[in-house]
Amino acid sequence: MTVDRMNPTPLWEQLAELLAAAIRAGDYEPRQVLPSEKHLQDEHGVSRGTVRLAMQALAERGWTVTIQGRGTFVAERENWPAD
């Protein structure tokens, strides 16, 4: 699944929700590194800025933790937002 350019929801928000849904579904486990910005850009056909906004939103909501120079990792389940 990927972002829908016809959807009025901003692309970064769509991407953030797609990644959060993948985390909830168990596609990414706690402490697992998420794909790189470049990979997400290529996979979803979006800009680097869009990916960065999506990753920032995930971190602000408690889904992920970013470690400078290492990547963005899925947060521990107890830190996930309530559905």
C-alpha atoms as a PDB file:
ATOM      1  CA  MET A   1       0.000   0.000   0.000  1.00  0.00           C
ATOM      2  CA  THR A   2       1.185   3.508  -0.703  1.00  0.00           C
ATOM      3  CA  VAL A   3       0.071   7.128  -0.495  1.00  0.00           C
ATOM      4  CA  ASP A   4      -2.878   8.309  -2.585  1.00  0.00           C
ATOM      5  CA  ARG A   5      -2.200  11.567  -4.405  1.00  0.00           C
ATOM      6  CA  MET A   6      -5.936  12.048  -5.000  1.00  0.00           C
ATOM      7  CA  ASN A   7      -6.632  11.957  -1.256  1.00  0.00           C
ATOM      8  CA  PRO A   8      -6.853  15.474   0.267  1.00  0.00           C
ATOM      9  CA  THR A   9      -4.934  14.286   3.365  1.00  0.00           C
ATOM     10  CA  PRO A  10      -1.318  15.518   3.192  1.00  0.00           C
ATOM     11  CA  LEU A  11       1.122  12.911   1.858  1.00  0.00           C
ATOM     12  CA  TRP A  12       3.269  13.009   4.999  1.00  0.00           C
ATOM     13  CA  GLU A  13       0.211  12.265   7.133  1.00  0.00           C
ATOM     14  CA  GLN A  14      -0.805   9.375   4.872  1.00  0.00           C
ATOM     15  CA  LEU A  15       2.720   7.952   5.031  1.00  0.00           C
ATOM     16  CA  ALA A  16       2.829   8.298   8.817  1.00  0.00           C
ATOM     17  CA  GLU A  17      -0.475   6.433   9.097  1.00  0.00           C
ATOM     18  CA  LEU A  18       0.697   3.688   6.722  1.00  0.00           C
ATOM     19  CA  LEU A  19       3.814   3.154   8.828  1.00  0.00           C
ATOM     20  CA  ALA A  20       1.857   3.257  12.105  1.00  0.00           C
ATOM     21  CA  ALA A  21      -0.575   0.683  10.682  1.00  0.00           C
ATOM     22  CA  ALA A  22       2.359  -1.538   9.690  1.00  0.00           C
ATOM     23  CA  ILE A  23       3.745  -1.267  13.230  1.00  0.00           C
ATOM     24  CA  ARG A  24       0.343  -2.112  14.757  1.00  0.00           C
ATOM     25  CA  ALA A  25       0.028  -5.091  12.383  1.00  0.00           C
ATOM     26  CA  GLY A  26       3.389  -6.460  13.502  1.00  0.00           C
ATOM     27  CA  ASP A  27       5.200  -5.840  10.218  1.00  0.00           C
ATOM     28  CA  TYR A  28       7.783  -3.977  12.309  1.00  0.00           C
ATOM     29  CA  GLU A  29       8.557  -5.176  15.827  1.00  0.00           C
ATOM     30  CA  PRO A  30       9.700  -3.029  18.772  1.00  0.00           C
ATOM     31  CA  ARG A  31      13.390  -2.105  18.489  1.00  0.00           C
ATOM     32  CA  GLN A  32      13.395  -2.962  14.774  1.00  0.00           C
ATOM     33  CA  VAL A  33      14.843  -0.324  12.479  1.00  0.00           C
ATOM     34  CA  LEU A  34      12.435   1.183   9.950  1.00  0.00           C
ATOM     35  CA  PRO A  35      13.418   1.474   6.276  1.00  0.00           C
ATOM     36  CA  SER A  36      15.722   4.342   5.365  1.00  0.00           C
ATOM     37  CA  GLU A  37      14.411   7.688   4.177  1.00  0.00           C
ATOM     38  CA  LYS A  38      15.696   6.894   0.693  1.00  0.00           C
ATOM     39  CA  HIS A  39      13.902   3.535   0.649  1.00  0.00           C
ATOM     40  CA  LEU A  40      10.632   5.133   1.757  1.00  0.00           C
ATOM     41  CA  GLN A  41      11.043   7.906  -0.842  1.00  0.00           C
ATOM     42  CA  ASP A  42      11.485   5.377  -3.614  1.00  0.00           C
ATOM     43  CA  GLU A  43       8.801   2.982  -2.393  1.00  0.00           C
ATOM     44  CA  HIS A  44       6.114   5.653  -2.026  1.00  0.00           C
ATOM     45  CA  GLY A  45       7.206   8.134  -4.695  1.00  0.00           C
ATOM     46  CA  VAL A  46       7.433  11.065  -2.296  1.00  0.00           C
ATOM     47  CA  SER A  47      10.048  13.673  -1.468  1.00  0.00           C
ATOM     48  CA  ARG A  48      12.625  13.501   1.289  1.00  0.00           C
ATOM     49  CA  GLY A  49      10.776  16.295   3.088  1.00  0.00           C
ATOM     50  CA  THR A  50       7.563  14.270   3.058  1.00  0.00           C
ATOM     51  CA  VAL A  51       9.350  11.271   4.568  1.00  0.00           C
ATOM     52  CA  ARG A  52      10.978  13.435   7.225  1.00  0.00           C
ATOM     53  CA  LEU A  53       7.641  14.968   8.236  1.00  0.00           C
ATOM     54  CA  ALA A  54       6.088  11.502   8.468  1.00  0.00           C
ATOM     55  CA  MET A  55       8.982  10.217  10.599  1.00  0.00           C
ATOM     56  CA  GLN A  56       8.778  13.284  12.844  1.00  0.00           C
ATOM     57  CA  ALA A  57       5.032  12.701  13.314  1.00  0.00           C
ATOM     58  CA  LEU A  58       5.636   9.048  14.244  1.00  0.00           C
ATOM     59  CA  ALA A  59       8.221  10.073  16.842  1.00  0.00           C
ATOM     60  CA  GLU A  60       5.978  12.789  18.298  1.00  0.00           C
ATOM     61  CA  ARG A  61       3.119  10.288  18.624  1.00  0.00           C
ATOM     62  CA  GLY A  62       5.337   7.731  20.384  1.00  0.00           C
ATOM     63  CA  TRP A  63       5.574   5.110  17.626  1.00  0.00           C
ATOM     64  CA  THR A  64       9.290   5.506  16.982  1.00  0.00           C
ATOM     65  CA  VAL A  65      12.606   6.611  18.443  1.00  0.00           C
ATOM     66  CA  THR A  66      15.323   8.123  16.255  1.00  0.00           C
ATOM     67  CA  ILE A  67      18.971   7.643  17.117  1.00  0.00           C
ATOM     68  CA  GLN A  68      21.284  10.039  15.292  1.00  0.00           C
ATOM     69  CA  GLY A  69      23.518   8.138  12.885  1.00  0.00           C
ATOM     70  CA  ARG A  70      21.766   4.800  13.492  1.00  0.00           C
ATOM     71  CA  GLY A  71      18.230   5.192  12.199  1.00  0.00           C
ATOM     72  CA  THR A  72      14.626   5.237  13.308  1.00  0.00           C
ATOM     73  CA  PHE A  73      13.464   2.338  15.448  1.00  0.00           C
ATOM     74  CA  VAL A  74      10.038   1.137  16.535  1.00  0.00           C
ATOM     75  CA  ALA A  75       9.386   2.178  20.134  1.00  0.00           C
ATOM     76  CA  GLU A  76       8.606  -0.299  22.885  1.00  0.00           C
ATOM     77  CA  ARG A  77       4.902  -1.227  22.950  1.00  0.00           C
ATOM     78  CA  GLU A  78       4.252   0.509  26.256  1.00  0.00           C
ATOM     79  CA  ASN A  79       5.150   3.816  24.564  1.00  0.00           C
ATOM     80  CA  TRP A  80       2.712   3.361  21.670  1.00  0.00           C
ATOM     81  CA  PRO A  81      -0.302   5.665  21.602  1.00  0.00           C
ATOM     82  CA  ALA A  82      -3.670   4.240  22.568  1.00  0.00           C
ATOM     83  CA  ASP A  83      -5.864   3.438  19.567  1.00  0.00           C
END
